[in-house]
Amino acid sequence: MTNPMALTEEFTPYLTPIFERKAKSITAIDVRKMTSYTDMIVIVEGESGRQVTSLAEHIIKALKKEKIMVFGMEGIKEGEWALLDYGHIIVHIFESKAKNFYDLEGLWSDAPRVDLSQFGPILEMEEDDDF
């Protein structure tokens, strides 16, 4: 995998609400050179169906306050996999088992990842759960 690409300012408002919640993992993939339907795909992992729903609802509400409306959404109430389509950015929010099953990171393995370090670390606590 190549070095992560720098995040452009245009995407910051979409990513900020994701980092306001405790997602298990967040990956942003720049697909603008590989597809015509979007510029970035963001893959968010939640611990449970309830967290998937909560994350999706929080993102929609936070962006609506910024006058950014979602073009389409799917799967929010079910909680296994929610999709939020904002046109140039598509956010996938998965419950852990669904994320592993669909493996979108593997599907887009040739696409460059986006550096999200400006938002701080996302801690994956799986190994530290014993504390």
C-alpha atoms as a PDB file:
ATOM      1  CA  MET A   1       0.000   0.000   0.000  1.00  0.00           C
ATOM      2  CA  THR A   2       1.219   3.508  -0.784  1.00  0.00           C
ATOM      3  CA  ASN A   3       1.582   6.330   1.705  1.00  0.00           C
ATOM      4  CA  PRO A   4      -1.737   7.860   2.751  1.00  0.00           C
ATOM      5  CA  MET A   5      -2.923  10.881   0.788  1.00  0.00           C
ATOM      6  CA  ALA A   6      -3.486  14.189   2.527  1.00  0.00           C
ATOM      7  CA  LEU A   7      -7.073  15.006   3.391  1.00  0.00           C
ATOM      8  CA  THR A   8      -8.501  17.946   1.460  1.00  0.00           C
ATOM      9  CA  GLU A   9     -10.564  20.532   3.326  1.00  0.00           C
ATOM     10  CA  GLU A  10     -13.715  19.826   1.347  1.00  0.00           C
ATOM     11  CA  PHE A  11     -14.133  16.473   3.129  1.00  0.00           C
ATOM     12  CA  THR A  12     -13.498  17.663   6.702  1.00  0.00           C
ATOM     13  CA  PRO A  13     -17.149  18.559   7.462  1.00  0.00           C
ATOM     14  CA  TYR A  14     -18.221  15.029   6.500  1.00  0.00           C
ATOM     15  CA  LEU A  15     -15.586  13.314   8.635  1.00  0.00           C
ATOM     16  CA  THR A  16     -15.847  15.466  11.757  1.00  0.00           C
ATOM     17  CA  PRO A  17     -19.158  13.978  13.001  1.00  0.00           C
ATOM     18  CA  ILE A  18     -17.798  10.466  12.488  1.00  0.00           C
ATOM     19  CA  PHE A  19     -14.876  11.213  14.806  1.00  0.00           C
ATOM     20  CA  GLU A  20     -17.218  12.714  17.416  1.00  0.00           C
ATOM     21  CA  ARG A  21     -18.468   9.186  18.170  1.00  0.00           C
ATOM     22  CA  LYS A  22     -16.486   6.181  19.272  1.00  0.00           C
ATOM     23  CA  ALA A  23     -16.276   4.154  16.091  1.00  0.00           C
ATOM     24  CA  LYS A  24     -14.186   1.021  16.254  1.00  0.00           C
ATOM     25  CA  SER A  25     -12.339   1.931  13.037  1.00  0.00           C
ATOM     26  CA  ILE A  26     -12.501   4.479  10.230  1.00  0.00           C
ATOM     27  CA  THR A  27     -10.920   4.178   6.789  1.00  0.00           C
ATOM     28  CA  ALA A  28     -11.156   6.773   4.020  1.00  0.00           C
ATOM     29  CA  ILE A  29     -10.343   5.722   0.453  1.00  0.00           C
ATOM     30  CA  ASP A  30      -9.761   8.107  -2.458  1.00  0.00           C
ATOM     31  CA  VAL A  31     -11.523   6.573  -5.470  1.00  0.00           C
ATOM     32  CA  ARG A  32     -11.785   9.629  -7.748  1.00  0.00           C
ATOM     33  CA  LYS A  33      -9.363   8.110 -10.308  1.00  0.00           C
ATOM     34  CA  MET A  34     -11.102   4.733 -10.221  1.00  0.00           C
ATOM     35  CA  THR A  35     -14.820   5.518 -10.444  1.00  0.00           C
ATOM     36  CA  SER A  36     -17.116   8.261 -11.676  1.00  0.00           C
ATOM     37  CA  TYR A  37     -19.863   8.027  -9.050  1.00  0.00           C
ATOM     38  CA  THR A  38     -17.946   9.384  -6.035  1.00  0.00           C
ATOM     39  CA  ASP A  39     -14.593  10.806  -4.940  1.00  0.00           C
ATOM     40  CA  MET A  40     -14.213   9.205  -1.523  1.00  0.00           C
ATOM     41  CA  ILE A  41     -15.507   6.160   0.282  1.00  0.00           C
ATOM     42  CA  VAL A  42     -15.451   6.172   4.068  1.00  0.00           C
ATOM     43  CA  ILE A  43     -15.775   2.858   5.894  1.00  0.00           C
ATOM     44  CA  VAL A  44     -16.778   3.078   9.533  1.00  0.00           C
ATOM     45  CA  GLU A  45     -16.990   0.117  11.897  1.00  0.00           C
ATOM     46  CA  GLY A  46     -19.353   0.049  14.848  1.00  0.00           C
ATOM     47  CA  GLU A  47     -19.379  -2.454  17.702  1.00  0.00           C
ATOM     48  CA  SER A  48     -23.081  -3.303  17.347  1.00  0.00           C
ATOM     49  CA  GLY A  49     -26.190  -2.712  15.275  1.00  0.00           C
ATOM     50  CA  ARG A  50     -27.291  -0.104  17.756  1.00  0.00           C
ATOM     51  CA  GLN A  51     -24.013   1.793  17.315  1.00  0.00           C
ATOM     52  CA  VAL A  52     -24.302   1.595  13.517  1.00  0.00           C
ATOM     53  CA  THR A  53     -27.738   3.204  13.707  1.00  0.00           C
ATOM     54  CA  SER A  54     -26.571   5.798  16.220  1.00  0.00           C
ATOM     55  CA  LEU A  55     -23.519   6.747  14.121  1.00  0.00           C
ATOM     56  CA  ALA A  56     -25.604   7.111  10.957  1.00  0.00           C
ATOM     57  CA  GLU A  57     -28.238   9.231  12.677  1.00  0.00           C
ATOM     58  CA  HIS A  58     -25.559  11.429  14.284  1.00  0.00           C
ATOM     59  CA  ILE A  59     -23.799  12.034  10.960  1.00  0.00           C
ATOM     60  CA  ILE A  60     -27.055  12.952   9.194  1.00  0.00           C
ATOM     61  CA  LYS A  61     -28.116  15.308  11.998  1.00  0.00           C
ATOM     62  CA  ALA A  62     -24.701  17.011  12.307  1.00  0.00           C
ATOM     63  CA  LEU A  63     -24.395  17.575   8.566  1.00  0.00           C
ATOM     64  CA  LYS A  64     -27.963  18.809   8.319  1.00  0.00           C
ATOM     65  CA  LYS A  65     -27.042  21.532  10.858  1.00  0.00           C
ATOM     66  CA  GLU A  66     -24.279  22.537   8.418  1.00  0.00           C
ATOM     67  CA  LYS A  67     -26.874  22.633   5.603  1.00  0.00           C
ATOM     68  CA  ILE A  68     -25.426  19.481   4.020  1.00  0.00           C
ATOM     69  CA  MET A  69     -28.205  17.139   3.004  1.00  0.00           C
ATOM     70  CA  VAL A  70     -27.890  13.430   2.319  1.00  0.00           C
ATOM     71  CA  PHE A  71     -28.824  12.385  -1.234  1.00  0.00           C
ATOM     72  CA  GLY A  72     -29.673   8.834  -0.267  1.00  0.00           C
ATOM     73  CA  MET A  73     -29.537   6.505   2.705  1.00  0.00           C
ATOM     74  CA  GLU A  74     -30.106   2.813   3.274  1.00  0.00           C
ATOM     75  CA  GLY A  75     -30.077   0.323   6.136  1.00  0.00           C
ATOM     76  CA  ILE A  76     -30.093   2.722   9.079  1.00  0.00           C
ATOM     77  CA  LYS A  77     -32.891   1.044  11.039  1.00  0.00           C
ATOM     78  CA  GLU A  78     -31.563  -2.464  10.423  1.00  0.00           C
ATOM     79  CA  GLY A  79     -28.176  -1.585  11.922  1.00  0.00           C
ATOM     80  CA  GLU A  80     -26.005  -4.120  10.115  1.00  0.00           C
ATOM     81  CA  TRP A  81     -24.838  -1.846   7.295  1.00  0.00           C
ATOM     82  CA  ALA A  82     -25.888   1.769   6.795  1.00  0.00           C
ATOM     83  CA  LEU A  83     -25.041   3.713   3.654  1.00  0.00           C
ATOM     84  CA  LEU A  84     -25.069   7.509   3.471  1.00  0.00           C
ATOM     85  CA  ASP A  85     -24.637   9.014  -0.004  1.00  0.00           C
ATOM     86  CA  TYR A  86     -23.520  12.635  -0.117  1.00  0.00           C
ATOM     87  CA  GLY A  87     -22.530  12.539  -3.787  1.00  0.00           C
ATOM     88  CA  HIS A  88     -18.789  13.091  -3.762  1.00  0.00           C
ATOM     89  CA  ILE A  89     -18.448  11.132  -0.512  1.00  0.00           C
ATOM     90  CA  ILE A  90     -20.175   7.885   0.428  1.00  0.00           C
ATOM     91  CA  VAL A  91     -20.129   6.702   4.032  1.00  0.00           C
ATOM     92  CA  HIS A  92     -20.545   3.002   4.813  1.00  0.00           C
ATOM     93  CA  ILE A  93     -21.173   2.176   8.474  1.00  0.00           C
ATOM     94  CA  PHE A  94     -20.836  -1.502   9.270  1.00  0.00           C
ATOM     95  CA  GLU A  95     -21.365  -3.748  12.244  1.00  0.00           C
ATOM     96  CA  SER A  96     -18.103  -5.712  12.660  1.00  0.00           C
ATOM     97  CA  LYS A  97     -19.291  -9.029  11.174  1.00  0.00           C
ATOM     98  CA  ALA A  98     -20.779  -7.328   8.109  1.00  0.00           C
ATOM     99  CA  LYS A  99     -17.619  -5.260   7.603  1.00  0.00           C
ATOM    100  CA  ASN A 100     -15.494  -8.392   7.579  1.00  0.00           C
ATOM    101  CA  PHE A 101     -17.913 -10.187   5.256  1.00  0.00           C
ATOM    102  CA  TYR A 102     -18.146  -7.423   2.615  1.00  0.00           C
ATOM    103  CA  ASP A 103     -14.456  -6.380   2.908  1.00  0.00           C
ATOM    104  CA  LEU A 104     -14.718  -3.080   1.040  1.00  0.00           C
ATOM    105  CA  GLU A 105     -11.128  -2.259   1.972  1.00  0.00           C
ATOM    106  CA  GLY A 106     -10.083  -5.376   0.058  1.00  0.00           C
ATOM    107  CA  LEU A 107     -12.307  -4.477  -2.877  1.00  0.00           C
ATOM    108  CA  TRP A 108     -10.634  -1.045  -3.077  1.00  0.00           C
ATOM    109  CA  SER A 109      -7.138  -2.282  -2.163  1.00  0.00           C
ATOM    110  CA  ASP A 110      -5.570  -0.526  -5.175  1.00  0.00           C
ATOM    111  CA  ALA A 111      -7.030   2.854  -4.229  1.00  0.00           C
ATOM    112  CA  PRO A 112      -5.004   5.241  -2.044  1.00  0.00           C
ATOM    113  CA  ARG A 113      -5.984   5.628   1.595  1.00  0.00           C
ATOM    114  CA  VAL A 114      -6.540   9.101   3.032  1.00  0.00           C
ATOM    115  CA  ASP A 115      -4.563  10.303   6.036  1.00  0.00           C
ATOM    116  CA  LEU A 116      -7.036  10.893   8.870  1.00  0.00           C
ATOM    117  CA  SER A 117      -4.428  11.646  11.535  1.00  0.00           C
ATOM    118  CA  GLN A 118      -5.603  15.256  11.906  1.00  0.00           C
ATOM    119  CA  PHE A 119      -8.631  13.865  13.745  1.00  0.00           C
ATOM    120  CA  GLY A 120      -6.501  11.974  16.265  1.00  0.00           C
ATOM    121  CA  PRO A 121      -6.118   8.233  16.748  1.00  0.00           C
ATOM    122  CA  ILE A 122      -8.933   5.738  16.536  1.00  0.00           C
ATOM    123  CA  LEU A 123      -8.226   3.229  19.232  1.00  0.00           C
ATOM    124  CA  GLU A 124      -9.021  -0.375  18.565  1.00  0.00           C
ATOM    125  CA  MET A 125      -9.437  -1.720  22.075  1.00  0.00           C
ATOM    126  CA  GLU A 126      -9.790  -5.418  21.229  1.00  0.00           C
ATOM    127  CA  GLU A 127      -6.487  -6.419  22.793  1.00  0.00           C
ATOM    128  CA  ASP A 128      -6.868  -4.029  25.748  1.00  0.00           C
ATOM    129  CA  ASP A 129     -10.398  -5.112  26.736  1.00  0.00           C
ATOM    130  CA  ASP A 130      -9.009  -7.072  29.682  1.00  0.00           C
ATOM    131  CA  PHE A 131      -8.100  -3.891  31.578  1.00  0.00           C
END
